[in-house]
Amino acid sequence: MTLIKRTFARLCSSEEGATLVEYGIALGIAVTVGAGALLTMGGNVNSTMGDANAVFDSIGEGNDTEDSGT
């Protein structure tokens, strides 16, 4: 436990600790923004892919190109 306290005290008193905290905050913000973007766009992507699938299905129904085996 004293190792953790000594490491924390050393990081608090040096520029290295401040840089580490800044990188941690930046990483946290980036992860939060990325997750928010994925959640926001997730529904739109799913809807768009569904629409594209419907178009391909309708093309396939009207244009039967399967080989009959003859």
PDB file of N, CA and C in Angstrom:
ATOM      1  N   MET A   1       0.830  -1.195   0.000  1.00  0.00           N
ATOM      2  CA  MET A   1       0.000   0.000   0.000  1.00  0.00           C
ATOM      3  C   MET A   1       0.873   1.256   0.000  1.00  0.00           C
ATOM      4  N   THR A   2       2.006   1.178   0.689  1.00  0.00           N
ATOM      5  CA  THR A   2       2.879   2.351   0.725  1.00  0.00           C
ATOM      6  C   THR A   2       3.493   2.636  -0.643  1.00  0.00           C
ATOM      7  N   LEU A   3       3.668   1.604  -1.450  1.00  0.00           N
ATOM      8  CA  LEU A   3       4.194   1.804  -2.800  1.00  0.00           C
ATOM      9  C   LEU A   3       3.226   2.662  -3.612  1.00  0.00           C
ATOM     10  N   ILE A   4       1.949   2.383  -3.491  1.00  0.00           N
ATOM     11  CA  ILE A   4       0.933   3.154  -4.218  1.00  0.00           C
ATOM     12  C   ILE A   4       0.942   4.604  -3.734  1.00  0.00           C
ATOM     13  N   LYS A   5       1.042   4.797  -2.414  1.00  0.00           N
ATOM     14  CA  LYS A   5       1.066   6.158  -1.863  1.00  0.00           C
ATOM     15  C   LYS A   5       2.295   6.919  -2.338  1.00  0.00           C
ATOM     16  N   ARG A   6       3.466   6.240  -2.331  1.00  0.00           N
ATOM     17  CA  ARG A   6       4.695   6.908  -2.791  1.00  0.00           C
ATOM     18  C   ARG A   6       4.617   7.248  -4.272  1.00  0.00           C
ATOM     19  N   THR A   7       4.093   6.337  -5.080  1.00  0.00           N
ATOM     20  CA  THR A   7       3.961   6.585  -6.518  1.00  0.00           C
ATOM     21  C   THR A   7       3.006   7.737  -6.768  1.00  0.00           C
ATOM     22  N   PHE A   8       1.881   7.754  -6.058  1.00  0.00           N
ATOM     23  CA  PHE A   8       0.905   8.831  -6.213  1.00  0.00           C
ATOM     24  C   PHE A   8       1.515  10.175  -5.806  1.00  0.00           C
ATOM     25  N   ALA A   9       2.241  10.202  -4.703  1.00  0.00           N
ATOM     26  CA  ALA A   9       2.877  11.440  -4.250  1.00  0.00           C
ATOM     27  C   ALA A   9       3.913  11.919  -5.257  1.00  0.00           C
ATOM     28  N   ARG A  10       4.682  10.982  -5.838  1.00  0.00           N
ATOM     29  CA  ARG A  10       5.694  11.358  -6.824  1.00  0.00           C
ATOM     30  C   ARG A  10       5.043  11.927  -8.084  1.00  0.00           C
ATOM     31  N   LEU A  11       3.961  11.305  -8.528  1.00  0.00           N
ATOM     32  CA  LEU A  11       3.284  11.792  -9.733  1.00  0.00           C
ATOM     33  C   LEU A  11       2.631  13.152  -9.506  1.00  0.00           C
ATOM     34  N   CYS A  12       2.114  13.371  -8.300  1.00  0.00           N
ATOM     35  CA  CYS A  12       1.481  14.653  -7.998  1.00  0.00           C
ATOM     36  C   CYS A  12       2.491  15.798  -7.957  1.00  0.00           C
ATOM     37  N   SER A  13       3.733  15.486  -7.598  1.00  0.00           N
ATOM     38  CA  SER A  13       4.723  16.543  -7.447  1.00  0.00           C
ATOM     39  C   SER A  13       5.550  16.778  -8.706  1.00  0.00           C
ATOM     40  N   SER A  14       5.325  16.018  -9.754  1.00  0.00           N
ATOM     41  CA  SER A  14       6.137  16.181 -10.957  1.00  0.00           C
ATOM     42  C   SER A  14       5.260  16.508 -12.162  1.00  0.00           C
ATOM     43  N   GLU A  15       5.911  17.015 -13.197  1.00  0.00           N
ATOM     44  CA  GLU A  15       5.209  17.308 -14.449  1.00  0.00           C
ATOM     45  C   GLU A  15       4.727  16.031 -15.124  1.00  0.00           C
ATOM     46  N   GLU A  16       5.417  14.935 -14.878  1.00  0.00           N
ATOM     47  CA  GLU A  16       5.066  13.661 -15.467  1.00  0.00           C
ATOM     48  C   GLU A  16       3.646  13.248 -15.061  1.00  0.00           C
ATOM     49  N   GLY A  17       3.317  13.472 -13.802  1.00  0.00           N
ATOM     50  CA  GLY A  17       1.986  13.131 -13.306  1.00  0.00           C
ATOM     51  C   GLY A  17       0.909  13.980 -13.952  1.00  0.00           C
ATOM     52  N   ALA A  18       1.192  15.258 -14.138  1.00  0.00           N
ATOM     53  CA  ALA A  18       0.212  16.151 -14.765  1.00  0.00           C
ATOM     54  C   ALA A  18      -0.027  15.733 -16.214  1.00  0.00           C
ATOM     55  N   THR A  19       1.015  15.368 -16.910  1.00  0.00           N
ATOM     56  CA  THR A  19       0.878  14.923 -18.290  1.00  0.00           C
ATOM     57  C   THR A  19       0.071  13.640 -18.357  1.00  0.00           C
ATOM     58  N   LEU A  20       0.331  12.736 -17.435  1.00  0.00           N
ATOM     59  CA  LEU A  20      -0.397  11.474 -17.387  1.00  0.00           C
ATOM     60  C   LEU A  20      -1.884  11.716 -17.153  1.00  0.00           C
ATOM     61  N   VAL A  21      -2.203  12.628 -16.251  1.00  0.00           N
ATOM     62  CA  VAL A  21      -3.603  12.952 -15.974  1.00  0.00           C
ATOM     63  C   VAL A  21      -4.244  13.594 -17.199  1.00  0.00           C
ATOM     64  N   GLU A  22      -3.529  14.477 -17.873  1.00  0.00           N
ATOM     65  CA  GLU A  22      -4.067  15.116 -19.076  1.00  0.00           C
ATOM     66  C   GLU A  22      -4.368  14.090 -20.162  1.00  0.00           C
ATOM     67  N   TYR A  23      -3.457  13.142 -20.356  1.00  0.00           N
ATOM     68  CA  TYR A  23      -3.699  12.084 -21.341  1.00  0.00           C
ATOM     69  C   TYR A  23      -4.884  11.226 -20.934  1.00  0.00           C
ATOM     70  N   GLY A  24      -5.030  10.955 -19.662  1.00  0.00           N
ATOM     71  CA  GLY A  24      -6.169  10.173 -19.173  1.00  0.00           C
ATOM     72  C   GLY A  24      -7.485  10.883 -19.418  1.00  0.00           C
ATOM     73  N   ILE A  25      -7.516  12.180 -19.172  1.00  0.00           N
ATOM     74  CA  ILE A  25      -8.735  12.968 -19.414  1.00  0.00           C
ATOM     75  C   ILE A  25      -9.045  13.003 -20.908  1.00  0.00           C
ATOM     76  N   ALA A  26      -8.025  13.225 -21.724  1.00  0.00           N
ATOM     77  CA  ALA A  26      -8.237  13.263 -23.177  1.00  0.00           C
ATOM     78  C   ALA A  26      -8.754  11.917 -23.684  1.00  0.00           C
ATOM     79  N   LEU A  27      -8.199  10.830 -23.173  1.00  0.00           N
ATOM     80  CA  LEU A  27      -8.656   9.503 -23.574  1.00  0.00           C
ATOM     81  C   LEU A  27     -10.099   9.274 -23.154  1.00  0.00           C
ATOM     82  N   GLY A  28     -10.449   9.691 -21.955  1.00  0.00           N
ATOM     83  CA  GLY A  28     -11.826   9.553 -21.483  1.00  0.00           C
ATOM     84  C   GLY A  28     -12.807  10.329 -22.342  1.00  0.00           C
ATOM     85  N   ILE A  29     -12.447  11.538 -22.717  1.00  0.00           N
ATOM     86  CA  ILE A  29     -13.307  12.356 -23.576  1.00  0.00           C
ATOM     87  C   ILE A  29     -13.444  11.713 -24.952  1.00  0.00           C
ATOM     88  N   ALA A  30     -12.346  11.220 -25.506  1.00  0.00           N
ATOM     89  CA  ALA A  30     -12.389  10.598 -26.829  1.00  0.00           C
ATOM     90  C   ALA A  30     -13.273   9.356 -26.822  1.00  0.00           C
ATOM     91  N   VAL A  31     -13.164   8.551 -25.778  1.00  0.00           N
ATOM     92  CA  VAL A  31     -13.987   7.344 -25.687  1.00  0.00           C
ATOM     93  C   VAL A  31     -15.461   7.717 -25.559  1.00  0.00           C
ATOM     94  N   THR A  32     -15.758   8.721 -24.754  1.00  0.00           N
ATOM     95  CA  THR A  32     -17.146   9.154 -24.568  1.00  0.00           C
ATOM     96  C   THR A  32     -17.737   9.686 -25.861  1.00  0.00           C
ATOM     97  N   VAL A  33     -16.992  10.513 -26.572  1.00  0.00           N
ATOM     98  CA  VAL A  33     -17.477  11.065 -27.846  1.00  0.00           C
ATOM     99  C   VAL A  33     -17.643   9.952 -28.879  1.00  0.00           C
ATOM    100  N   GLY A  34     -16.684   9.041 -28.937  1.00  0.00           N
ATOM    101  CA  GLY A  34     -16.775   7.925 -29.881  1.00  0.00           C
ATOM    102  C   GLY A  34     -17.974   7.043 -29.604  1.00  0.00           C
ATOM    103  N   ALA A  35     -18.210   6.723 -28.345  1.00  0.00           N
ATOM    104  CA  ALA A  35     -19.360   5.889 -27.986  1.00  0.00           C
ATOM    105  C   ALA A  35     -20.670   6.609 -28.304  1.00  0.00           C
ATOM    106  N   GLY A  36     -20.715   7.902 -28.029  1.00  0.00           N
ATOM    107  CA  GLY A  36     -21.912   8.671 -28.353  1.00  0.00           C
ATOM    108  C   GLY A  36     -22.180   8.703 -29.848  1.00  0.00           C
ATOM    109  N   ALA A  37     -21.135   8.856 -30.628  1.00  0.00           N
ATOM    110  CA  ALA A  37     -21.297   8.875 -32.086  1.00  0.00           C
ATOM    111  C   ALA A  37     -21.784   7.524 -32.595  1.00  0.00           C
ATOM    112  N   LEU A  38     -21.222   6.445 -32.072  1.00  0.00           N
ATOM    113  CA  LEU A  38     -21.663   5.116 -32.498  1.00  0.00           C
ATOM    114  C   LEU A  38     -23.121   4.867 -32.124  1.00  0.00           C
ATOM    115  N   LEU A  39     -23.518   5.280 -30.939  1.00  0.00           N
ATOM    116  CA  LEU A  39     -24.901   5.089 -30.518  1.00  0.00           C
ATOM    117  C   LEU A  39     -25.855   5.925 -31.369  1.00  0.00           C
ATOM    118  N   THR A  40     -25.439   7.138 -31.686  1.00  0.00           N
ATOM    119  CA  THR A  40     -26.285   8.024 -32.488  1.00  0.00           C
ATOM    120  C   THR A  40     -26.420   7.519 -33.916  1.00  0.00           C
ATOM    121  N   MET A  41     -25.309   7.108 -34.508  1.00  0.00           N
ATOM    122  CA  MET A  41     -25.335   6.676 -35.902  1.00  0.00           C
ATOM    123  C   MET A  41     -25.768   5.231 -36.065  1.00  0.00           C
ATOM    124  N   GLY A  42     -25.754   4.456 -35.000  1.00  0.00           N
ATOM    125  CA  GLY A  42     -26.079   3.042 -35.092  1.00  0.00           C
ATOM    126  C   GLY A  42     -27.448   2.785 -35.695  1.00  0.00           C
ATOM    127  N   GLY A  43     -28.450   3.522 -35.252  1.00  0.00           N
ATOM    128  CA  GLY A  43     -29.795   3.355 -35.792  1.00  0.00           C
ATOM    129  C   GLY A  43     -29.880   3.748 -37.247  1.00  0.00           C
ATOM    130  N   ASN A  44     -29.183   4.829 -37.610  1.00  0.00           N
ATOM    131  CA  ASN A  44     -29.197   5.281 -38.998  1.00  0.00           C
ATOM    132  C   ASN A  44     -28.543   4.265 -39.921  1.00  0.00           C
ATOM    133  N   VAL A  45     -27.440   3.700 -39.489  1.00  0.00           N
ATOM    134  CA  VAL A  45     -26.746   2.704 -40.306  1.00  0.00           C
ATOM    135  C   VAL A  45     -27.623   1.463 -40.468  1.00  0.00           C
ATOM    136  N   ASN A  46     -28.244   1.026 -39.389  1.00  0.00           N
ATOM    137  CA  ASN A  46     -29.116  -0.139 -39.444  1.00  0.00           C
ATOM    138  C   ASN A  46     -30.279   0.109 -40.401  1.00  0.00           C
ATOM    139  N   SER A  47     -30.876   1.284 -40.344  1.00  0.00           N
ATOM    140  CA  SER A  47     -31.982   1.627 -41.233  1.00  0.00           C
ATOM    141  C   SER A  47     -31.533   1.667 -42.696  1.00  0.00           C
ATOM    142  N   THR A  48     -30.391   2.269 -42.949  1.00  0.00           N
ATOM    143  CA  THR A  48     -29.870   2.370 -44.310  1.00  0.00           C
ATOM    144  C   THR A  48     -29.543   0.994 -44.880  1.00  0.00           C
ATOM    145  N   MET A  49     -28.946   0.136 -44.067  1.00  0.00           N
ATOM    146  CA  MET A  49     -28.628  -1.211 -44.542  1.00  0.00           C
ATOM    147  C   MET A  49     -29.910  -1.998 -44.811  1.00  0.00           C
ATOM    148  N   GLY A  50     -30.928  -1.801 -43.999  1.00  0.00           N
ATOM    149  CA  GLY A  50     -32.214  -2.451 -44.237  1.00  0.00           C
ATOM    150  C   GLY A  50     -32.840  -1.997 -45.543  1.00  0.00           C
ATOM    151  N   ASP A  51     -32.744  -0.692 -45.811  1.00  0.00           N
ATOM    152  CA  ASP A  51     -33.268  -0.157 -47.079  1.00  0.00           C
ATOM    153  C   ASP A  51     -32.508  -0.741 -48.274  1.00  0.00           C
ATOM    154  N   ALA A  52     -31.194  -0.825 -48.156  1.00  0.00           N
ATOM    155  CA  ALA A  52     -30.382  -1.383 -49.247  1.00  0.00           C
ATOM    156  C   ALA A  52     -30.728  -2.852 -49.459  1.00  0.00           C
ATOM    157  N   ASN A  53     -30.934  -3.580 -48.385  1.00  0.00           N
ATOM    158  CA  ASN A  53     -31.306  -4.984 -48.483  1.00  0.00           C
ATOM    159  C   ASN A  53     -32.650  -5.138 -49.188  1.00  0.00           C
ATOM    160  N   ALA A  54     -33.588  -4.261 -48.875  1.00  0.00           N
ATOM    161  CA  ALA A  54     -34.900  -4.320 -49.516  1.00  0.00           C
ATOM    162  C   ALA A  54     -34.785  -4.059 -51.019  1.00  0.00           C
ATOM    163  N   VAL A  55     -33.919  -3.124 -51.402  1.00  0.00           N
ATOM    164  CA  VAL A  55     -33.725  -2.826 -52.819  1.00  0.00           C
ATOM    165  C   VAL A  55     -33.136  -4.045 -53.536  1.00  0.00           C
ATOM    166  N   PHE A  56     -32.121  -4.649 -52.945  1.00  0.00           N
ATOM    167  CA  PHE A  56     -31.520  -5.827 -53.567  1.00  0.00           C
ATOM    168  C   PHE A  56     -32.507  -6.984 -53.634  1.00  0.00           C
ATOM    169  N   ASP A  57     -33.341  -7.133 -52.601  1.00  0.00           N
ATOM    170  CA  ASP A  57     -34.357  -8.180 -52.632  1.00  0.00           C
ATOM    171  C   ASP A  57     -35.348  -7.950 -53.766  1.00  0.00           C
ATOM    172  N   SER A  58     -35.752  -6.691 -53.963  1.00  0.00           N
ATOM    173  CA  SER A  58     -36.720  -6.403 -55.019  1.00  0.00           C
ATOM    174  C   SER A  58     -36.094  -6.597 -56.406  1.00  0.00           C
ATOM    175  N   ILE A  59     -34.822  -6.308 -56.539  1.00  0.00           N
ATOM    176  CA  ILE A  59     -34.134  -6.539 -57.810  1.00  0.00           C
ATOM    177  C   ILE A  59     -34.062  -8.044 -58.082  1.00  0.00           C
ATOM    178  N   GLY A  60     -33.761  -8.820 -57.067  1.00  0.00           N
ATOM    179  CA  GLY A  60     -33.648 -10.265 -57.224  1.00  0.00           C
ATOM    180  C   GLY A  60     -34.980 -10.919 -57.555  1.00  0.00           C
ATOM    181  N   GLU A  61     -36.068 -10.398 -57.025  1.00  0.00           N
ATOM    182  CA  GLU A  61     -37.384 -10.980 -57.296  1.00  0.00           C
ATOM    183  C   GLU A  61     -37.815 -10.762 -58.737  1.00  0.00           C
ATOM    184  N   GLY A  62     -37.497  -9.613 -59.301  1.00  0.00           N
ATOM    185  CA  GLY A  62     -37.939  -9.291 -60.647  1.00  0.00           C
ATOM    186  C   GLY A  62     -37.029  -9.809 -61.730  1.00  0.00           C
ATOM    187  N   ASN A  63     -35.858 -10.274 -61.363  1.00  0.00           N
ATOM    188  CA  ASN A  63     -34.858 -10.674 -62.350  1.00  0.00           C
ATOM    189  C   ASN A  63     -34.285 -12.019 -61.949  1.00  0.00           C
ATOM    190  N   ASP A  64     -34.995 -13.087 -62.214  1.00  0.00           N
ATOM    191  CA  ASP A  64     -34.586 -14.435 -61.810  1.00  0.00           C
ATOM    192  C   ASP A  64     -33.488 -14.920 -62.744  1.00  0.00           C
ATOM    193  N   THR A  65     -32.244 -14.952 -62.244  1.00  0.00           N
ATOM    194  CA  THR A  65     -31.109 -15.362 -63.079  1.00  0.00           C
ATOM    195  C   THR A  65     -30.493 -16.657 -62.602  1.00  0.00           C
ATOM    196  N   GLU A  66     -31.191 -17.394 -61.748  1.00  0.00           N
ATOM    197  CA  GLU A  66     -30.639 -18.646 -61.247  1.00  0.00           C
ATOM    198  C   GLU A  66     -30.551 -19.665 -62.359  1.00  0.00           C
ATOM    199  N   ASP A  67     -29.538 -20.471 -62.332  1.00  0.00           N
ATOM    200  CA  ASP A  67     -29.341 -21.503 -63.328  1.00  0.00           C
ATOM    201  C   ASP A  67     -30.309 -22.648 -63.036  1.00  0.00           C
ATOM    202  N   SER A  68     -31.025 -23.087 -64.048  1.00  0.00           N
ATOM    203  CA  SER A  68     -32.016 -24.144 -63.861  1.00  0.00           C
ATOM    204  C   SER A  68     -31.405 -25.527 -63.900  1.00  0.00           C
ATOM    205  N   GLY A  69     -30.123 -25.622 -64.201  1.00  0.00           N
ATOM    206  CA  GLY A  69     -29.431 -26.892 -64.201  1.00  0.00           C
ATOM    207  C   GLY A  69     -29.503 -27.635 -65.518  1.00  0.00           C
ATOM    208  N   THR A  70     -29.999 -27.012 -66.554  1.00  0.00           N
ATOM    209  CA  THR A  70     -30.076 -27.674 -67.856  1.00  0.00           C
ATOM    210  C   THR A  70     -28.999 -27.219 -68.782  1.00  0.00           C
TER     211      THR A  70
END
